[in-house]
């Protein structure tokens, strides 16, 4: 069953994109998960375990972030350490795990200024606004590394007027049709 991960910096349109698909896919049997920033190693471990349950129960899952992608990015940049390491995982091991479990990663990546403006609508984790450029660079690198591991990474820019959530765009991004 598919695991589709929607990733990107704060304000990049992840949640909105998933909400639009959820409305279209109301008749499909999909699970939707939202992964907030982990508060500690136990929280992170539980989140990773939950995200792996979809395979056991053969239920398609769309997740708004995955901690094995976002934590190695946000942790070192915003908190000076990644909680992934406290679980004994390296960044490379985390990306390899994603490569073995994800069917696709939708990388929400509008232009930097657009994401910064959109992120100001909600309160963000400490340090995010000051580190936007570093987060963008780290996400670009992580997506490139996933592509090199054979993961289907699809870049999506909600701000692009040609890609504003039409039914065919949502089907292409989420269902691959």
C-alpha atoms as a PDB file:
ATOM      1  CA  UNK A   1       0.000   0.000   0.000  1.00  0.00           C
ATOM      2  CA  UNK A   2       1.291   3.438  -0.820  1.00  0.00           C
ATOM      3  CA  UNK A   3       3.054   5.735   1.581  1.00  0.00           C
ATOM      4  CA  UNK A   4       3.029   9.273   0.218  1.00  0.00           C
ATOM      5  CA  UNK A   5       4.999  11.860   2.161  1.00  0.00           C
ATOM      6  CA  UNK A   6       4.326  15.563   1.690  1.00  0.00           C
ATOM      7  CA  UNK A   7       7.396  17.549   2.768  1.00  0.00           C
ATOM      8  CA  UNK A   8       8.741  21.080   2.711  1.00  0.00           C
ATOM      9  CA  UNK A   9       9.555  24.015   4.943  1.00  0.00           C
ATOM     10  CA  UNK A  10       6.919  25.745   7.037  1.00  0.00           C
ATOM     11  CA  UNK A  11       4.544  27.749   4.852  1.00  0.00           C
ATOM     12  CA  UNK A  12       5.287  25.723   1.718  1.00  0.00           C
ATOM     13  CA  UNK A  13       1.682  24.510   1.275  1.00  0.00           C
ATOM     14  CA  UNK A  14       1.839  20.917   2.595  1.00  0.00           C
ATOM     15  CA  UNK A  15      -1.290  20.976   4.720  1.00  0.00           C
ATOM     16  CA  UNK A  16      -3.336  22.890   2.163  1.00  0.00           C
ATOM     17  CA  UNK A  17      -2.337  20.458  -0.591  1.00  0.00           C
ATOM     18  CA  UNK A  18      -3.338  17.471   1.560  1.00  0.00           C
ATOM     19  CA  UNK A  19      -6.654  19.096   2.510  1.00  0.00           C
ATOM     20  CA  UNK A  20      -7.453  19.663  -1.168  1.00  0.00           C
ATOM     21  CA  UNK A  21      -6.701  16.022  -1.954  1.00  0.00           C
ATOM     22  CA  UNK A  22      -8.685  14.827   1.057  1.00  0.00           C
ATOM     23  CA  UNK A  23     -11.781  16.568  -0.322  1.00  0.00           C
ATOM     24  CA  UNK A  24     -11.290  14.901  -3.724  1.00  0.00           C
ATOM     25  CA  UNK A  25     -10.504  11.494  -2.203  1.00  0.00           C
ATOM     26  CA  UNK A  26     -13.331  11.390   0.320  1.00  0.00           C
ATOM     27  CA  UNK A  27     -14.562   8.097  -1.159  1.00  0.00           C
ATOM     28  CA  UNK A  28     -11.140   6.468  -1.092  1.00  0.00           C
ATOM     29  CA  UNK A  29      -9.911   4.590   1.950  1.00  0.00           C
ATOM     30  CA  UNK A  30      -6.809   6.613   2.858  1.00  0.00           C
ATOM     31  CA  UNK A  31      -5.271   7.376   6.205  1.00  0.00           C
ATOM     32  CA  UNK A  32      -3.942  10.878   6.746  1.00  0.00           C
ATOM     33  CA  UNK A  33      -1.288  11.626   9.367  1.00  0.00           C
ATOM     34  CA  UNK A  34       0.173  14.880  10.560  1.00  0.00           C
ATOM     35  CA  UNK A  35       3.662  14.717  12.017  1.00  0.00           C
ATOM     36  CA  UNK A  36       4.465  17.690  14.180  1.00  0.00           C
ATOM     37  CA  UNK A  37       7.935  18.334  15.552  1.00  0.00           C
ATOM     38  CA  UNK A  38       8.845  15.616  18.062  1.00  0.00           C
ATOM     39  CA  UNK A  39       9.269  16.752  21.635  1.00  0.00           C
ATOM     40  CA  UNK A  40      11.800  14.060  22.491  1.00  0.00           C
ATOM     41  CA  UNK A  41      13.187  10.665  21.445  1.00  0.00           C
ATOM     42  CA  UNK A  42      10.160   8.719  22.739  1.00  0.00           C
ATOM     43  CA  UNK A  43       7.744  10.940  20.805  1.00  0.00           C
ATOM     44  CA  UNK A  44       9.858  10.525  17.671  1.00  0.00           C
ATOM     45  CA  UNK A  45      10.058   6.745  18.107  1.00  0.00           C
ATOM     46  CA  UNK A  46       6.256   6.494  18.521  1.00  0.00           C
ATOM     47  CA  UNK A  47       5.680   8.629  15.410  1.00  0.00           C
ATOM     48  CA  UNK A  48       7.988   6.459  13.311  1.00  0.00           C
ATOM     49  CA  UNK A  49       6.232   3.307  14.578  1.00  0.00           C
ATOM     50  CA  UNK A  50       2.787   4.748  13.771  1.00  0.00           C
ATOM     51  CA  UNK A  51       3.871   5.666  10.266  1.00  0.00           C
ATOM     52  CA  UNK A  52       5.020   2.104   9.628  1.00  0.00           C
ATOM     53  CA  UNK A  53       1.658   0.578  10.668  1.00  0.00           C
ATOM     54  CA  UNK A  54       0.042   1.363   7.339  1.00  0.00           C
ATOM     55  CA  UNK A  55       2.082  -1.418   5.698  1.00  0.00           C
ATOM     56  CA  UNK A  56       0.980  -3.974   8.248  1.00  0.00           C
ATOM     57  CA  UNK A  57      -2.699  -3.091   7.806  1.00  0.00           C
ATOM     58  CA  UNK A  58      -2.457  -2.520   4.046  1.00  0.00           C
ATOM     59  CA  UNK A  59      -3.904   0.984   4.246  1.00  0.00           C
ATOM     60  CA  UNK A  60      -2.655   3.779   2.000  1.00  0.00           C
ATOM     61  CA  UNK A  61      -1.178   6.620   4.014  1.00  0.00           C
ATOM     62  CA  UNK A  62      -0.503  10.260   3.222  1.00  0.00           C
ATOM     63  CA  UNK A  63       1.570  12.058   5.815  1.00  0.00           C
ATOM     64  CA  UNK A  64       2.159  15.746   6.335  1.00  0.00           C
ATOM     65  CA  UNK A  65       5.899  15.390   6.952  1.00  0.00           C
ATOM     66  CA  UNK A  66       7.841  12.326   8.009  1.00  0.00           C
ATOM     67  CA  UNK A  67      10.220  12.588  10.974  1.00  0.00           C
ATOM     68  CA  UNK A  68      12.967  10.647   9.175  1.00  0.00           C
ATOM     69  CA  UNK A  69      13.096  13.485   6.637  1.00  0.00           C
ATOM     70  CA  UNK A  70      12.159  16.587   8.626  1.00  0.00           C
ATOM     71  CA  UNK A  71      13.938  15.888  11.920  1.00  0.00           C
ATOM     72  CA  UNK A  72      17.448  15.562  10.389  1.00  0.00           C
ATOM     73  CA  UNK A  73      16.745  18.927   8.712  1.00  0.00           C
ATOM     74  CA  UNK A  74      15.003  20.942  11.447  1.00  0.00           C
ATOM     75  CA  UNK A  75      16.794  19.428  14.456  1.00  0.00           C
ATOM     76  CA  UNK A  76      20.377  20.486  13.672  1.00  0.00           C
ATOM     77  CA  UNK A  77      19.358  23.839  12.204  1.00  0.00           C
ATOM     78  CA  UNK A  78      16.837  24.961  14.829  1.00  0.00           C
ATOM     79  CA  UNK A  79      17.896  23.026  17.963  1.00  0.00           C
ATOM     80  CA  UNK A  80      21.573  22.219  17.261  1.00  0.00           C
ATOM     81  CA  UNK A  81      20.877  18.467  17.301  1.00  0.00           C
ATOM     82  CA  UNK A  82      18.701  15.877  15.618  1.00  0.00           C
ATOM     83  CA  UNK A  83      16.602  13.564  17.752  1.00  0.00           C
ATOM     84  CA  UNK A  84      17.166  10.909  15.068  1.00  0.00           C
ATOM     85  CA  UNK A  85      20.682  10.454  16.423  1.00  0.00           C
ATOM     86  CA  UNK A  86      19.327   9.806  19.932  1.00  0.00           C
ATOM     87  CA  UNK A  87      17.520   6.778  18.447  1.00  0.00           C
ATOM     88  CA  UNK A  88      20.790   5.538  16.978  1.00  0.00           C
ATOM     89  CA  UNK A  89      19.957   6.556  13.390  1.00  0.00           C
ATOM     90  CA  UNK A  90      22.264   8.511  11.116  1.00  0.00           C
ATOM     91  CA  UNK A  91      20.916  10.880   8.467  1.00  0.00           C
ATOM     92  CA  UNK A  92      21.948   8.347   5.816  1.00  0.00           C
ATOM     93  CA  UNK A  93      20.089   5.512   7.573  1.00  0.00           C
ATOM     94  CA  UNK A  94      16.987   7.695   7.875  1.00  0.00           C
ATOM     95  CA  UNK A  95      17.036   8.503   4.147  1.00  0.00           C
ATOM     96  CA  UNK A  96      17.624   4.842   3.284  1.00  0.00           C
ATOM     97  CA  UNK A  97      14.576   3.891   5.373  1.00  0.00           C
ATOM     98  CA  UNK A  98      12.474   6.435   3.466  1.00  0.00           C
ATOM     99  CA  UNK A  99      13.814   5.041   0.177  1.00  0.00           C
ATOM    100  CA  UNK A 100      12.624   1.559   1.195  1.00  0.00           C
ATOM    101  CA  UNK A 101       9.160   2.588   2.411  1.00  0.00           C
ATOM    102  CA  UNK A 102       7.921   5.668   0.539  1.00  0.00           C
ATOM    103  CA  UNK A 103       6.168   5.381  -2.776  1.00  0.00           C
ATOM    104  CA  UNK A 104       6.637   9.065  -3.443  1.00  0.00           C
ATOM    105  CA  UNK A 105       7.591  12.289  -1.752  1.00  0.00           C
ATOM    106  CA  UNK A 106       5.771  15.429  -2.785  1.00  0.00           C
ATOM    107  CA  UNK A 107       8.237  18.245  -2.158  1.00  0.00           C
ATOM    108  CA  UNK A 108       6.323  21.482  -1.644  1.00  0.00           C
ATOM    109  CA  UNK A 109       8.749  24.185  -2.629  1.00  0.00           C
ATOM    110  CA  UNK A 110       7.506  27.631  -3.577  1.00  0.00           C
ATOM    111  CA  UNK A 111       9.991  30.457  -3.909  1.00  0.00           C
ATOM    112  CA  UNK A 112      11.630  31.414  -0.612  1.00  0.00           C
ATOM    113  CA  UNK A 113       9.826  34.745  -0.211  1.00  0.00           C
ATOM    114  CA  UNK A 114       6.431  33.095  -0.765  1.00  0.00           C
ATOM    115  CA  UNK A 115       7.057  30.470   1.935  1.00  0.00           C
ATOM    116  CA  UNK A 116       8.371  33.052   4.403  1.00  0.00           C
ATOM    117  CA  UNK A 117       5.267  35.190   3.936  1.00  0.00           C
ATOM    118  CA  UNK A 118       2.937  32.171   4.249  1.00  0.00           C
ATOM    119  CA  UNK A 119       4.751  30.873   7.331  1.00  0.00           C
ATOM    120  CA  UNK A 120       4.079  34.117   9.194  1.00  0.00           C
ATOM    121  CA  UNK A 121       0.371  33.283   9.303  1.00  0.00           C
ATOM    122  CA  UNK A 122       0.973  30.699  12.057  1.00  0.00           C
ATOM    123  CA  UNK A 123       3.420  30.574  14.931  1.00  0.00           C
ATOM    124  CA  UNK A 124       6.467  28.503  13.986  1.00  0.00           C
ATOM    125  CA  UNK A 125       9.009  26.515  15.954  1.00  0.00           C
ATOM    126  CA  UNK A 126      11.723  28.669  17.541  1.00  0.00           C
ATOM    127  CA  UNK A 127      14.441  29.586  15.038  1.00  0.00           C
ATOM    128  CA  UNK A 128      12.548  28.738  11.851  1.00  0.00           C
ATOM    129  CA  UNK A 129      12.110  32.258  10.518  1.00  0.00           C
ATOM    130  CA  UNK A 130      15.768  33.144  11.077  1.00  0.00           C
ATOM    131  CA  UNK A 131      16.910  29.935   9.392  1.00  0.00           C
ATOM    132  CA  UNK A 132      14.638  29.752   6.347  1.00  0.00           C
ATOM    133  CA  UNK A 133      17.453  29.799   3.797  1.00  0.00           C
ATOM    134  CA  UNK A 134      19.394  27.075   5.637  1.00  0.00           C
ATOM    135  CA  UNK A 135      16.199  24.970   5.860  1.00  0.00           C
ATOM    136  CA  UNK A 136      15.569  25.422   2.122  1.00  0.00           C
ATOM    137  CA  UNK A 137      19.115  24.330   1.307  1.00  0.00           C
ATOM    138  CA  UNK A 138      18.873  21.318   3.631  1.00  0.00           C
ATOM    139  CA  UNK A 139      15.543  20.274   2.084  1.00  0.00           C
ATOM    140  CA  UNK A 140      16.944  20.648  -1.427  1.00  0.00           C
ATOM    141  CA  UNK A 141      19.866  18.421  -0.460  1.00  0.00           C
ATOM    142  CA  UNK A 142      17.642  15.816   1.208  1.00  0.00           C
ATOM    143  CA  UNK A 143      15.351  15.668  -1.842  1.00  0.00           C
ATOM    144  CA  UNK A 144      18.364  15.290  -4.133  1.00  0.00           C
ATOM    145  CA  UNK A 145      19.675  12.481  -1.912  1.00  0.00           C
ATOM    146  CA  UNK A 146      16.280  10.743  -2.031  1.00  0.00           C
ATOM    147  CA  UNK A 147      16.185  11.050  -5.822  1.00  0.00           C
ATOM    148  CA  UNK A 148      19.615   9.420  -5.979  1.00  0.00           C
ATOM    149  CA  UNK A 149      18.226   6.554  -3.894  1.00  0.00           C
ATOM    150  CA  UNK A 150      15.465   6.019  -6.444  1.00  0.00           C
ATOM    151  CA  UNK A 151      12.610   7.729  -4.574  1.00  0.00           C
ATOM    152  CA  UNK A 152       9.974   9.350  -6.761  1.00  0.00           C
ATOM    153  CA  UNK A 153      10.281  12.978  -5.592  1.00  0.00           C
ATOM    154  CA  UNK A 154       7.775  15.361  -7.170  1.00  0.00           C
ATOM    155  CA  UNK A 155       8.355  19.078  -6.730  1.00  0.00           C
ATOM    156  CA  UNK A 156       5.170  21.099  -6.208  1.00  0.00           C
ATOM    157  CA  UNK A 157       4.789  24.868  -6.031  1.00  0.00           C
ATOM    158  CA  UNK A 158       1.299  25.930  -4.918  1.00  0.00           C
ATOM    159  CA  UNK A 159       2.129  29.493  -5.847  1.00  0.00           C
ATOM    160  CA  UNK A 160       2.591  28.554  -9.518  1.00  0.00           C
ATOM    161  CA  UNK A 161      -0.654  29.558 -11.227  1.00  0.00           C
ATOM    162  CA  UNK A 162      -0.384  26.535 -13.534  1.00  0.00           C
ATOM    163  CA  UNK A 163      -0.451  24.129 -10.565  1.00  0.00           C
ATOM    164  CA  UNK A 164      -3.242  25.363  -8.328  1.00  0.00           C
ATOM    165  CA  UNK A 165      -4.754  22.078  -7.201  1.00  0.00           C
ATOM    166  CA  UNK A 166      -6.808  21.073 -10.216  1.00  0.00           C
ATOM    167  CA  UNK A 167      -8.268  17.584 -10.073  1.00  0.00           C
ATOM    168  CA  UNK A 168      -5.774  16.311 -12.645  1.00  0.00           C
ATOM    169  CA  UNK A 169      -2.858  17.809 -10.660  1.00  0.00           C
ATOM    170  CA  UNK A 170      -4.068  16.215  -7.423  1.00  0.00           C
ATOM    171  CA  UNK A 171      -4.511  12.839  -9.121  1.00  0.00           C
ATOM    172  CA  UNK A 172      -1.030  13.084 -10.646  1.00  0.00           C
ATOM    173  CA  UNK A 173       0.623  14.049  -7.361  1.00  0.00           C
ATOM    174  CA  UNK A 174      -1.148  11.636  -5.054  1.00  0.00           C
ATOM    175  CA  UNK A 175      -2.338   8.763  -7.204  1.00  0.00           C
ATOM    176  CA  UNK A 176       0.237   8.880  -9.991  1.00  0.00           C
ATOM    177  CA  UNK A 177      -2.483   9.055 -12.696  1.00  0.00           C
END
